[in-house]
Amino acid sequence: MTLSGSRVAFLATDGFEDSELTSPWDAVTAEGASATLIAPDGAAITGKNGHEQAVDLRATETSADDFDALVLPGGVVNADHLRMDKASIDLARAFFEQHKPVGVICHGAWILIEAGVVDGRTLTSYPSLTTDLRNAGATWVDEEVVVDEGLVSSRTPDDLPAFNAKLVEEIGEGKHAVQTA
């Protein structure tokens, strides 16, 4: 499947899980998509294992209108900071409002809880988020990858091969009418 012409936003900040940013990034760009790193601030962000990535745009400088899909890497510190940033939460919610594919892995689901978009959805995450997701109205399942109408979710870096394959597939399918906030 080719993603030529697709624009994929990655929303992250310091403390992201390195492979949960770099592996999906490589997967979508290998299929022809352009990838853009969005962060709340700064010129670069650093992963928990030291990977540094240049920031292309601040969350206040862009909108879901500019992209075809969103990826939310995990990492406890990353997700905890993003869920407290209004511009980041608003941006994530806008992808759902526009019915665009969203990929989330590990602790990235905290951002979706804060955005109010998991009620009635089925997804997975790092197991410590199970109660948080259920309290927000989601159905949590323990599977390597779960797809719910354009929302692709996985648990840990071990799930990245399955996550990447489904992410590419969902981006290739485009908008999902049922994907709503």
Protein backbone atom coordinates (compact mmCIF):
# COMPACT_ATOMS: atom_id res chain seq x y z
CA MET A 1 0.00 0.00 0.00
CA THR A 2 1.34 3.40 -0.87
CA LEU A 3 0.79 6.49 1.23
CA SER A 4 2.21 8.84 -1.38
CA GLY A 5 0.89 12.33 -0.74
CA SER A 6 -0.35 11.52 2.78
CA ARG A 7 0.69 13.86 5.58
CA VAL A 8 1.11 12.27 9.01
CA ALA A 9 1.44 14.31 12.20
CA PHE A 10 3.35 12.91 15.17
CA LEU A 11 2.53 14.66 18.46
CA ALA A 12 5.13 14.21 21.19
CA THR A 13 7.35 15.96 23.71
CA ASP A 14 10.36 15.14 25.89
CA GLY A 15 10.25 11.70 27.46
CA PHE A 16 8.61 9.90 24.54
CA GLU A 17 9.29 6.19 24.11
CA ASP A 18 11.98 6.37 21.41
CA SER A 19 10.93 3.39 19.29
CA GLU A 20 7.25 4.36 19.48
CA LEU A 21 8.13 7.53 17.56
CA THR A 22 10.88 6.29 15.26
CA SER A 23 9.36 2.96 14.18
CA PRO A 24 5.94 4.29 13.03
CA TRP A 25 7.71 7.31 11.50
CA ASP A 26 9.89 4.98 9.43
CA ALA A 27 6.89 2.81 8.51
CA VAL A 28 4.78 5.67 7.13
CA THR A 29 7.65 7.42 5.35
CA ALA A 30 8.75 4.11 3.78
CA GLU A 31 5.28 3.97 2.21
CA GLY A 32 5.63 7.49 0.79
CA ALA A 33 3.94 9.64 3.46
CA SER A 34 5.50 12.81 4.78
CA ALA A 35 5.91 12.93 8.56
CA THR A 36 5.85 16.06 10.71
CA LEU A 37 6.80 16.28 14.38
CA ILE A 38 4.54 18.54 16.44
CA ALA A 39 5.33 19.44 20.06
CA PRO A 40 4.02 21.95 22.59
CA ASP A 41 7.26 23.93 22.38
CA GLY A 42 10.99 23.77 21.74
CA ALA A 43 13.23 23.23 18.75
CA ALA A 44 13.87 19.56 19.52
CA ILE A 45 12.60 16.85 21.85
CA THR A 46 14.49 14.00 23.50
CA GLY A 47 13.19 10.49 24.06
CA LYS A 48 13.57 8.64 27.32
CA ASN A 49 16.44 6.64 25.79
CA GLY A 50 18.19 9.69 24.31
CA HIS A 51 16.88 9.89 20.73
CA GLU A 52 16.68 13.56 19.75
CA GLN A 53 14.24 14.68 17.06
CA ALA A 54 13.82 18.16 15.58
CA VAL A 55 10.39 19.71 16.11
CA ASP A 56 8.74 20.88 12.88
CA LEU A 57 5.75 22.75 14.35
CA ARG A 58 4.32 23.77 17.69
CA ALA A 59 0.84 22.53 18.54
CA THR A 60 -0.38 26.13 18.49
CA GLU A 61 0.94 26.63 14.94
CA THR A 62 -1.03 23.95 13.11
CA SER A 63 -4.34 22.14 12.88
CA ALA A 64 -5.77 18.77 11.90
CA ASP A 65 -6.74 20.41 8.59
CA ASP A 66 -3.07 20.22 7.59
CA PHE A 67 -2.76 16.43 7.97
CA ASP A 68 -4.32 13.11 6.99
CA ALA A 69 -3.53 11.20 10.21
CA LEU A 70 -2.12 11.55 13.73
CA VAL A 71 0.27 9.31 15.70
CA LEU A 72 0.61 9.57 19.49
CA PRO A 73 3.72 7.75 20.73
CA GLY A 74 3.84 6.65 24.34
CA GLY A 75 6.25 7.21 27.16
CA VAL A 76 4.94 8.10 30.61
CA VAL A 77 6.56 11.54 30.84
CA ASN A 78 5.63 12.43 27.25
CA ALA A 79 1.97 11.48 27.63
CA ASP A 80 1.66 13.07 31.07
CA HIS A 81 2.97 16.40 29.77
CA LEU A 82 0.85 16.34 26.60
CA ARG A 83 -2.36 15.62 28.47
CA MET A 84 -1.81 18.85 30.41
CA ASP A 85 -1.28 20.95 27.25
CA LYS A 86 -4.53 22.44 25.92
CA ALA A 87 -3.27 22.97 22.37
CA SER A 88 -2.12 19.35 22.14
CA ILE A 89 -5.43 18.02 23.48
CA ASP A 90 -7.42 20.25 21.12
CA LEU A 91 -5.31 19.07 18.19
CA ALA A 92 -5.82 15.39 19.04
CA ARG A 93 -9.58 15.90 19.41
CA ALA A 94 -9.76 17.66 16.03
CA PHE A 95 -8.49 14.55 14.23
CA PHE A 96 -11.45 12.63 15.62
CA GLU A 97 -13.87 15.42 14.73
CA GLN A 98 -12.55 15.28 11.16
CA HIS A 99 -12.84 11.46 11.00
CA LYS A 100 -9.11 11.01 10.37
CA PRO A 101 -7.05 7.96 11.38
CA VAL A 102 -5.28 8.14 14.74
CA GLY A 103 -2.59 5.77 15.99
CA VAL A 104 -1.84 5.55 19.71
CA ILE A 105 0.51 3.32 21.62
CA CYS A 106 1.32 2.67 25.26
CA HIS A 107 0.66 5.66 27.56
CA GLY A 108 -0.40 7.85 24.61
CA ALA A 109 -3.98 6.84 25.39
CA TRP A 110 -3.91 9.33 28.28
CA ILE A 111 -4.07 12.08 25.66
CA LEU A 112 -7.22 10.56 24.17
CA ILE A 113 -8.83 10.29 27.61
CA GLU A 114 -8.14 13.97 28.22
CA ALA A 115 -9.50 14.82 24.75
CA GLY A 116 -12.75 13.03 25.62
CA VAL A 117 -12.70 10.71 22.60
CA VAL A 118 -12.56 7.19 24.07
CA ASP A 119 -16.13 6.80 25.36
CA GLY A 120 -17.68 3.84 23.54
CA ARG A 121 -14.40 2.90 21.81
CA THR A 122 -12.48 -0.37 22.03
CA LEU A 123 -8.73 -0.03 22.38
CA THR A 124 -5.62 -1.26 24.10
CA SER A 125 -2.73 0.49 25.84
CA TYR A 126 -0.05 -0.16 28.38
CA PRO A 127 -1.87 -2.27 31.02
CA SER A 128 -1.55 0.37 33.76
CA LEU A 129 -4.04 2.56 31.83
CA THR A 130 -6.79 -0.08 31.91
CA THR A 131 -8.73 1.52 34.78
CA ASP A 132 -8.29 5.04 33.37
CA LEU A 133 -9.66 3.97 29.98
CA ARG A 134 -12.58 2.06 31.47
CA ASN A 135 -13.44 5.01 33.71
CA ALA A 136 -13.50 7.18 30.57
CA GLY A 137 -16.01 4.81 28.94
CA ALA A 138 -13.71 2.72 26.76
CA THR A 139 -13.56 -1.05 26.45
CA TRP A 140 -9.96 -2.11 27.10
CA VAL A 141 -8.64 -5.33 25.57
CA ASP A 142 -5.25 -7.01 25.92
CA GLU A 143 -4.24 -7.49 22.28
CA GLU A 144 -1.15 -6.44 20.34
CA VAL A 145 -3.14 -4.16 18.05
CA VAL A 146 -6.78 -3.06 18.08
CA VAL A 147 -8.53 -1.16 15.29
CA ASP A 148 -11.79 0.68 15.99
CA GLU A 149 -13.00 2.71 12.99
CA GLY A 150 -9.73 4.46 12.24
CA LEU A 151 -8.33 4.36 15.79
CA VAL A 152 -5.29 2.05 15.89
CA SER A 153 -3.94 1.20 19.35
CA SER A 154 -1.17 -1.00 20.75
CA ARG A 155 0.34 -1.77 24.14
CA THR A 156 4.15 -1.62 24.04
CA PRO A 157 7.17 -1.45 21.71
CA ASP A 158 6.90 -5.23 21.32
CA ASP A 159 3.68 -4.61 19.35
CA LEU A 160 5.22 -2.17 16.86
CA PRO A 161 5.31 -4.51 13.83
CA ALA A 162 1.55 -5.17 14.09
CA PHE A 163 0.84 -1.53 15.01
CA ASN A 164 2.79 -0.18 12.04
CA ALA A 165 1.08 -2.51 9.57
CA LYS A 166 -2.40 -1.52 10.75
CA LEU A 167 -1.46 2.16 10.96
CA VAL A 168 -0.35 2.17 7.32
CA GLU A 169 -3.53 0.31 6.34
CA GLU A 170 -5.83 2.76 8.14
CA ILE A 171 -4.04 5.82 6.76
CA GLY A 172 -4.35 4.30 3.30
CA GLU A 173 -8.10 3.90 3.79
CA GLY A 174 -8.44 7.61 4.62
CA LYS A 175 -11.28 9.15 6.59
CA HIS A 176 -13.62 6.94 8.61
CA ALA A 177 -17.17 8.25 8.88
CA VAL A 178 -17.65 6.64 12.29
CA GLN A 179 -14.40 8.14 13.68
CA THR A 180 -15.85 10.90 15.86
CA ALA A 181 -15.01 12.84 18.99
